[in-house]
Amino acid sequence: MALTSTQKSEIVAGNGRGANDTGSPEVQVALLSARIEDLSEHFKAHAHDNHSRQGLLRMVNRRRKLLDYLRDRSPERYRELITKLGLRK
């Protein structure tokens, strides 16, 4: 399922660097993470949905690239984000 506008605005407010910040890597990674979690739940019920699985893999790869970018540019922001989203153990 797609994220509602209220869910998106909450994610942007919680992870943005400013009031209307939607383009920072932190916000983009948080939005992708929410969509990835929703799709992961979808696959528990629909294991043979290979077309959606391809989209999931694209989102995971895009999130990985954004995290690599953020890690190279600002390691402290990267560490804050992964702990906030719970991406690493």
N, C-alpha and C. Protein backbone atom coordinates (compact mmCIF):
# COMPACT_ATOMS: atom_id res chain seq x y z
N MET A 1 0.84 -1.18 0.00
CA MET A 1 0.00 0.00 0.00
C MET A 1 0.88 1.25 0.00
N ALA A 2 0.38 2.27 -0.61
CA ALA A 2 1.10 3.53 -0.66
C ALA A 2 0.97 4.26 0.67
N LEU A 3 1.91 5.11 0.93
CA LEU A 3 1.86 5.90 2.15
C LEU A 3 0.84 7.02 1.98
N THR A 4 0.10 7.31 3.02
CA THR A 4 -0.84 8.43 2.96
C THR A 4 -0.09 9.73 3.13
N SER A 5 -0.75 10.82 2.80
CA SER A 5 -0.09 12.12 2.90
C SER A 5 0.23 12.47 4.35
N THR A 6 -0.59 12.03 5.30
CA THR A 6 -0.29 12.31 6.70
C THR A 6 0.93 11.52 7.16
N GLN A 7 1.04 10.27 6.70
CA GLN A 7 2.22 9.48 7.06
C GLN A 7 3.48 10.10 6.47
N LYS A 8 3.40 10.56 5.22
CA LYS A 8 4.55 11.19 4.59
C LYS A 8 4.95 12.46 5.33
N SER A 9 3.96 13.27 5.70
CA SER A 9 4.29 14.51 6.39
C SER A 9 4.90 14.24 7.76
N GLU A 10 4.47 13.19 8.45
CA GLU A 10 5.07 12.83 9.73
C GLU A 10 6.52 12.38 9.55
N ILE A 11 6.78 11.61 8.50
CA ILE A 11 8.14 11.14 8.23
C ILE A 11 9.04 12.31 7.88
N VAL A 12 8.52 13.24 7.05
CA VAL A 12 9.31 14.42 6.66
C VAL A 12 9.60 15.28 7.88
N ALA A 13 8.60 15.48 8.74
CA ALA A 13 8.80 16.30 9.93
C ALA A 13 9.78 15.64 10.90
N GLY A 14 9.74 14.34 11.00
CA GLY A 14 10.61 13.64 11.94
C GLY A 14 12.05 13.50 11.48
N ASN A 15 12.28 13.53 10.16
CA ASN A 15 13.63 13.28 9.65
C ASN A 15 14.21 14.45 8.86
N GLY A 16 13.42 15.45 8.58
CA GLY A 16 13.90 16.57 7.79
C GLY A 16 14.83 17.47 8.56
N ARG A 17 15.65 18.18 7.82
CA ARG A 17 16.58 19.11 8.44
C ARG A 17 15.96 20.47 8.64
N GLY A 18 14.84 20.72 7.94
CA GLY A 18 14.13 21.98 8.07
C GLY A 18 12.63 21.72 8.06
N ALA A 19 11.85 22.80 7.94
CA ALA A 19 10.40 22.67 8.01
C ALA A 19 9.83 21.96 6.79
N ASN A 20 10.27 22.34 5.61
CA ASN A 20 9.74 21.76 4.37
C ASN A 20 10.80 20.98 3.62
N ASP A 21 11.67 20.33 4.33
CA ASP A 21 12.77 19.60 3.71
C ASP A 21 12.29 18.23 3.25
N THR A 22 12.18 18.04 1.93
CA THR A 22 11.77 16.75 1.40
C THR A 22 12.86 16.11 0.55
N GLY A 23 13.94 16.82 0.28
CA GLY A 23 14.95 16.31 -0.62
C GLY A 23 16.21 15.83 0.03
N SER A 24 16.36 16.00 1.31
CA SER A 24 17.59 15.56 1.96
C SER A 24 17.65 14.04 1.96
N PRO A 25 18.85 13.49 1.99
CA PRO A 25 18.98 12.03 1.98
C PRO A 25 18.29 11.36 3.17
N GLU A 26 18.27 12.03 4.31
CA GLU A 26 17.63 11.45 5.49
C GLU A 26 16.14 11.21 5.26
N VAL A 27 15.48 12.20 4.66
CA VAL A 27 14.04 12.08 4.41
C VAL A 27 13.78 11.03 3.34
N GLN A 28 14.59 11.03 2.29
CA GLN A 28 14.40 10.05 1.22
C GLN A 28 14.59 8.63 1.74
N VAL A 29 15.60 8.41 2.57
CA VAL A 29 15.84 7.08 3.12
C VAL A 29 14.70 6.68 4.05
N ALA A 30 14.20 7.61 4.85
CA ALA A 30 13.10 7.29 5.76
C ALA A 30 11.83 6.93 4.99
N LEU A 31 11.54 7.67 3.91
CA LEU A 31 10.37 7.35 3.10
C LEU A 31 10.52 6.00 2.41
N LEU A 32 11.69 5.73 1.88
CA LEU A 32 11.93 4.43 1.25
C LEU A 32 11.83 3.31 2.26
N SER A 33 12.33 3.53 3.47
CA SER A 33 12.26 2.50 4.50
C SER A 33 10.82 2.17 4.85
N ALA A 34 9.97 3.18 4.92
CA ALA A 34 8.56 2.95 5.23
C ALA A 34 7.89 2.15 4.12
N ARG A 35 8.19 2.48 2.88
CA ARG A 35 7.61 1.74 1.75
C ARG A 35 8.13 0.31 1.70
N ILE A 36 9.40 0.13 2.03
CA ILE A 36 9.99 -1.22 2.04
C ILE A 36 9.34 -2.07 3.12
N GLU A 37 9.08 -1.50 4.28
CA GLU A 37 8.42 -2.24 5.35
C GLU A 37 7.01 -2.65 4.94
N ASP A 38 6.29 -1.74 4.26
CA ASP A 38 4.94 -2.07 3.81
C ASP A 38 4.98 -3.21 2.79
N LEU A 39 5.92 -3.15 1.87
CA LEU A 39 6.01 -4.22 0.87
C LEU A 39 6.45 -5.54 1.49
N SER A 40 7.27 -5.48 2.51
CA SER A 40 7.69 -6.71 3.18
C SER A 40 6.48 -7.41 3.80
N GLU A 41 5.57 -6.64 4.37
CA GLU A 41 4.34 -7.22 4.91
C GLU A 41 3.49 -7.81 3.80
N HIS A 42 3.46 -7.16 2.65
CA HIS A 42 2.70 -7.64 1.51
C HIS A 42 3.19 -9.01 1.06
N PHE A 43 4.50 -9.22 1.10
CA PHE A 43 5.05 -10.48 0.62
C PHE A 43 4.82 -11.64 1.58
N LYS A 44 4.47 -11.34 2.80
CA LYS A 44 4.12 -12.43 3.71
C LYS A 44 2.82 -13.10 3.29
N ALA A 45 1.92 -12.32 2.69
CA ALA A 45 0.64 -12.86 2.23
C ALA A 45 0.69 -13.28 0.76
N HIS A 46 1.53 -12.60 -0.03
CA HIS A 46 1.58 -12.85 -1.47
C HIS A 46 3.01 -13.20 -1.88
N ALA A 47 3.39 -14.42 -1.63
CA ALA A 47 4.77 -14.84 -1.85
C ALA A 47 5.16 -14.91 -3.31
N HIS A 48 4.21 -15.09 -4.20
CA HIS A 48 4.53 -15.26 -5.62
C HIS A 48 4.36 -13.98 -6.44
N ASP A 49 4.27 -12.84 -5.81
CA ASP A 49 4.11 -11.56 -6.50
C ASP A 49 5.49 -11.06 -6.94
N ASN A 50 5.96 -11.58 -8.06
CA ASN A 50 7.32 -11.27 -8.51
C ASN A 50 7.45 -9.88 -9.09
N HIS A 51 6.38 -9.33 -9.64
CA HIS A 51 6.46 -7.98 -10.20
C HIS A 51 6.68 -6.94 -9.09
N SER A 52 6.00 -7.09 -7.99
CA SER A 52 6.22 -6.19 -6.86
C SER A 52 7.58 -6.42 -6.22
N ARG A 53 8.05 -7.65 -6.28
CA ARG A 53 9.36 -7.95 -5.71
C ARG A 53 10.46 -7.18 -6.45
N GLN A 54 10.30 -7.05 -7.76
CA GLN A 54 11.28 -6.28 -8.55
C GLN A 54 11.30 -4.82 -8.10
N GLY A 55 10.12 -4.25 -7.84
CA GLY A 55 10.06 -2.89 -7.33
C GLY A 55 10.68 -2.76 -5.96
N LEU A 56 10.49 -3.78 -5.13
CA LEU A 56 11.09 -3.79 -3.80
C LEU A 56 12.61 -3.78 -3.90
N LEU A 57 13.15 -4.59 -4.79
CA LEU A 57 14.60 -4.63 -4.95
C LEU A 57 15.14 -3.29 -5.44
N ARG A 58 14.41 -2.63 -6.31
CA ARG A 58 14.83 -1.31 -6.77
C ARG A 58 14.86 -0.31 -5.63
N MET A 59 13.84 -0.37 -4.78
CA MET A 59 13.80 0.54 -3.63
C MET A 59 14.95 0.27 -2.66
N VAL A 60 15.24 -1.00 -2.42
CA VAL A 60 16.33 -1.36 -1.51
C VAL A 60 17.66 -0.86 -2.07
N ASN A 61 17.85 -1.02 -3.39
CA ASN A 61 19.08 -0.54 -4.01
C ASN A 61 19.20 0.98 -3.96
N ARG A 62 18.09 1.67 -4.18
CA ARG A 62 18.12 3.13 -4.11
C ARG A 62 18.44 3.61 -2.70
N ARG A 63 17.84 2.93 -1.70
CA ARG A 63 18.12 3.29 -0.31
C ARG A 63 19.59 3.05 0.02
N ARG A 64 20.15 1.94 -0.47
CA ARG A 64 21.57 1.63 -0.23
C ARG A 64 22.46 2.71 -0.83
N LYS A 65 22.15 3.17 -2.04
CA LYS A 65 22.94 4.22 -2.68
C LYS A 65 22.85 5.53 -1.90
N LEU A 66 21.66 5.87 -1.43
CA LEU A 66 21.51 7.09 -0.64
C LEU A 66 22.26 6.99 0.68
N LEU A 67 22.23 5.83 1.30
CA LEU A 67 22.97 5.65 2.55
C LEU A 67 24.47 5.72 2.31
N ASP A 68 24.95 5.17 1.19
CA ASP A 68 26.37 5.27 0.87
C ASP A 68 26.78 6.72 0.65
N TYR A 69 25.93 7.47 -0.04
CA TYR A 69 26.19 8.89 -0.27
C TYR A 69 26.28 9.63 1.05
N LEU A 70 25.32 9.39 1.92
CA LEU A 70 25.30 10.08 3.21
C LEU A 70 26.49 9.69 4.08
N ARG A 71 26.88 8.42 4.04
CA ARG A 71 28.03 7.96 4.83
C ARG A 71 29.31 8.63 4.36
N ASP A 72 29.46 8.82 3.04
CA ASP A 72 30.66 9.47 2.51
C ASP A 72 30.69 10.95 2.81
N ARG A 73 29.53 11.63 2.78
CA ARG A 73 29.48 13.07 2.95
C ARG A 73 29.46 13.51 4.41
N SER A 74 28.70 12.78 5.23
CA SER A 74 28.55 13.18 6.63
C SER A 74 28.35 11.94 7.50
N PRO A 75 29.43 11.38 8.01
CA PRO A 75 29.32 10.15 8.80
C PRO A 75 28.46 10.29 10.05
N GLU A 76 28.46 11.46 10.69
CA GLU A 76 27.66 11.60 11.90
C GLU A 76 26.16 11.59 11.58
N ARG A 77 25.75 12.23 10.49
CA ARG A 77 24.34 12.19 10.09
C ARG A 77 23.95 10.77 9.69
N TYR A 78 24.86 10.04 9.07
CA TYR A 78 24.62 8.65 8.69
C TYR A 78 24.37 7.79 9.93
N ARG A 79 25.23 7.93 10.93
CA ARG A 79 25.08 7.14 12.15
C ARG A 79 23.78 7.47 12.88
N GLU A 80 23.42 8.76 12.92
CA GLU A 80 22.16 9.15 13.56
C GLU A 80 20.97 8.53 12.85
N LEU A 81 21.02 8.54 11.52
CA LEU A 81 19.89 8.04 10.75
C LEU A 81 19.71 6.54 10.90
N ILE A 82 20.79 5.77 10.85
CA ILE A 82 20.64 4.33 10.94
C ILE A 82 20.20 3.89 12.33
N THR A 83 20.61 4.63 13.35
CA THR A 83 20.12 4.28 14.69
C THR A 83 18.66 4.68 14.84
N LYS A 84 18.27 5.81 14.25
CA LYS A 84 16.88 6.28 14.35
C LYS A 84 15.94 5.32 13.63
N LEU A 85 16.36 4.84 12.45
CA LEU A 85 15.51 3.94 11.67
C LEU A 85 15.69 2.47 12.03
N GLY A 86 16.75 2.17 12.78
CA GLY A 86 16.99 0.79 13.17
C GLY A 86 17.42 -0.09 12.00
N LEU A 87 18.29 0.44 11.13
CA LEU A 87 18.69 -0.30 9.94
C LEU A 87 19.84 -1.25 10.18
N ARG A 88 20.67 -0.99 11.16
CA ARG A 88 21.84 -1.84 11.42
C ARG A 88 21.75 -2.39 12.82
N LYS A 89 22.43 -3.50 13.02
CA LYS A 89 22.43 -4.11 14.36
C LYS A 89 23.67 -3.72 15.10
